[in-house]
Amino acid sequence: MAKLAKQLKLQIDAGKAVPAPPLGPALGQAGVNIGEFVNQFNSATQDQIGSKVSVVINVYDDRSFDFVVKTPLAAGLIMKAAGIKSGSGKPNTKKAGSITDAQLTEIAEVKMEDLNAHDIEAAKKIVAGTCRSMGVEIKG
């Protein structure tokens, strides 16, 4: 078994990875076969097209690699639920939008496996913090 040489953490649009920057240079510096990664990643994330996902790429000293695709970004899920293009530049004074408590629960359930939370209530608090920093209100 080859030893782990490098670990990359990237955020890539699901199903739409291309060898162009910023992905290509990051993979090239790590010694990863860029075309092979792009093909494997795009086929693995075909069902999540339209969202940005985090991916952890383990590169081994023999230039082989494997990767783990995480759930879509919380901010992306919140923006989709609120129907906004971006968060507020001044979240404390200017609100960008709002989501319902049911939508918050749904997002927390999707993100649960990637969050450091033991139950759904703790996950909801983490996602609510992301909402707060984006200027998105949670309506009861």
Protein backbone atom coordinates (compact mmCIF):
# COMPACT_ATOMS: atom_id res chain seq x y z
CA MET A 1 0.00 0.00 0.00
CA ALA A 2 1.32 3.40 -0.98
CA LYS A 3 1.85 6.08 1.66
CA LEU A 4 -0.28 9.21 1.76
CA ALA A 5 1.80 12.03 0.27
CA LYS A 6 -0.68 14.91 0.17
CA GLN A 7 -4.28 15.71 1.00
CA LEU A 8 -6.20 18.37 -0.93
CA LYS A 9 -9.50 19.94 0.15
CA LEU A 10 -11.33 21.69 -2.67
CA GLN A 11 -14.79 23.05 -3.45
CA ILE A 12 -15.95 22.16 -6.95
CA ASP A 13 -19.24 22.46 -8.87
CA ALA A 14 -20.79 18.99 -8.88
CA GLY A 15 -20.63 17.23 -12.24
CA LYS A 16 -18.88 20.18 -13.89
CA ALA A 17 -15.19 19.74 -13.03
CA VAL A 18 -12.83 20.88 -15.81
CA PRO A 19 -9.03 20.75 -15.94
CA ALA A 20 -8.84 24.56 -16.19
CA PRO A 21 -7.77 26.74 -13.23
CA PRO A 22 -8.23 26.65 -10.29
CA LEU A 23 -8.64 22.86 -10.28
CA GLY A 24 -5.98 21.91 -12.84
CA PRO A 25 -2.99 23.63 -11.22
CA ALA A 26 -3.94 22.38 -7.74
CA LEU A 27 -4.10 18.79 -8.97
CA GLY A 28 -1.02 19.17 -11.17
CA GLN A 29 1.14 20.35 -8.26
CA ALA A 30 0.03 17.32 -6.26
CA GLY A 31 0.95 14.97 -9.14
CA VAL A 32 -2.61 13.80 -9.83
CA ASN A 33 -3.66 12.69 -13.33
CA ILE A 34 -6.03 15.62 -13.96
CA GLY A 35 -8.12 14.04 -16.72
CA GLU A 36 -8.68 10.86 -14.75
CA PHE A 37 -9.76 12.82 -11.65
CA VAL A 38 -12.14 15.03 -13.65
CA ASN A 39 -13.83 11.99 -15.25
CA GLN A 40 -14.19 10.12 -11.95
CA PHE A 41 -15.42 13.22 -10.06
CA ASN A 42 -17.98 14.18 -12.72
CA SER A 43 -19.43 10.67 -12.83
CA ALA A 44 -19.55 10.45 -9.01
CA THR A 45 -21.36 13.79 -8.65
CA GLN A 46 -23.71 13.52 -11.65
CA ASP A 47 -26.77 13.41 -9.36
CA GLN A 48 -25.81 16.64 -7.52
CA ILE A 49 -25.41 18.95 -10.55
CA GLY A 50 -26.22 22.55 -9.69
CA SER A 51 -24.58 22.59 -6.27
CA LYS A 52 -21.03 23.13 -5.11
CA VAL A 53 -19.55 20.26 -3.10
CA SER A 54 -16.45 19.85 -0.96
CA VAL A 55 -14.09 17.08 -1.95
CA VAL A 56 -11.12 15.66 -0.04
CA ILE A 57 -8.49 14.17 -2.38
CA ASN A 58 -5.89 11.80 -0.93
CA VAL A 59 -2.78 11.64 -3.13
CA TYR A 60 -0.35 8.78 -2.52
CA ASP A 61 3.41 8.69 -3.19
CA ASP A 62 2.93 6.44 -6.25
CA ARG A 63 0.70 9.19 -7.79
CA SER A 64 -2.49 7.22 -7.27
CA PHE A 65 -5.40 8.97 -5.59
CA ASP A 66 -8.82 8.55 -4.10
CA PHE A 67 -11.39 11.12 -3.09
CA VAL A 68 -14.35 11.59 -0.78
CA VAL A 69 -17.23 13.82 -1.88
CA LYS A 70 -18.92 15.67 0.97
CA THR A 71 -22.45 17.05 1.06
CA PRO A 72 -23.20 20.36 -0.72
CA LEU A 73 -22.09 23.54 1.04
CA ALA A 74 -24.47 24.84 3.72
CA ALA A 75 -24.35 28.35 2.25
CA GLY A 76 -25.37 27.00 -1.16
CA LEU A 77 -28.29 25.06 0.30
CA ILE A 78 -29.41 28.14 2.26
CA MET A 79 -29.23 30.40 -0.81
CA LYS A 80 -31.24 27.86 -2.84
CA ALA A 81 -33.90 27.59 -0.10
CA ALA A 82 -34.13 31.38 0.33
CA GLY A 83 -34.10 32.03 -3.43
CA ILE A 84 -31.20 34.48 -3.29
CA LYS A 85 -27.99 34.76 -5.32
CA SER A 86 -25.70 35.75 -2.45
CA GLY A 87 -25.66 36.62 1.23
CA SER A 88 -25.77 40.12 2.66
CA GLY A 89 -22.63 42.25 2.80
CA LYS A 90 -23.88 43.67 6.11
CA PRO A 91 -25.76 40.76 7.75
CA ASN A 92 -26.52 42.61 11.00
CA THR A 93 -28.28 45.55 9.37
CA LYS A 94 -29.41 44.43 5.91
CA LYS A 95 -31.14 41.06 5.51
CA ALA A 96 -30.73 39.13 2.25
CA GLY A 97 -33.74 36.85 2.62
CA SER A 98 -35.45 34.36 4.88
CA ILE A 99 -36.11 30.63 5.26
CA THR A 100 -38.63 28.74 7.35
CA ASP A 101 -37.84 26.50 10.30
CA ALA A 102 -38.89 23.51 8.17
CA GLN A 103 -36.33 24.47 5.51
CA LEU A 104 -33.68 24.87 8.23
CA THR A 105 -34.45 21.35 9.48
CA GLU A 106 -34.25 19.96 5.94
CA ILE A 107 -30.84 21.59 5.34
CA ALA A 108 -29.57 20.35 8.73
CA GLU A 109 -30.66 16.79 7.84
CA VAL A 110 -28.76 16.95 4.54
CA LYS A 111 -25.62 18.34 6.22
CA MET A 112 -25.83 16.09 9.33
CA GLU A 113 -23.17 13.58 8.23
CA ASP A 114 -20.56 16.32 7.65
CA LEU A 115 -21.32 18.36 10.77
CA ASN A 116 -19.83 17.91 14.21
CA ALA A 117 -23.24 17.40 15.80
CA HIS A 118 -24.81 14.51 17.69
CA ASP A 119 -28.47 15.31 17.00
CA ILE A 120 -30.59 17.30 14.60
CA GLU A 121 -31.07 20.20 17.06
CA ALA A 122 -27.30 20.77 17.27
CA ALA A 123 -27.07 20.58 13.47
CA LYS A 124 -29.86 23.16 13.16
CA LYS A 125 -27.92 25.54 15.44
CA ILE A 126 -24.82 25.19 13.25
CA VAL A 127 -26.80 25.87 10.06
CA ALA A 128 -28.63 28.76 11.79
CA GLY A 129 -25.23 30.31 12.52
CA THR A 130 -24.41 30.15 8.83
CA CYS A 131 -27.76 31.80 8.08
CA ARG A 132 -27.02 34.55 10.57
CA SER A 133 -23.61 35.27 9.03
CA MET A 134 -25.20 35.45 5.57
CA GLY A 135 -27.98 37.81 6.64
CA VAL A 136 -30.74 35.22 6.18
CA GLU A 137 -33.57 35.29 8.73
CA ILE A 138 -35.23 32.15 10.06
CA LYS A 139 -39.00 32.50 10.30
CA GLY A 140 -40.69 30.29 12.92
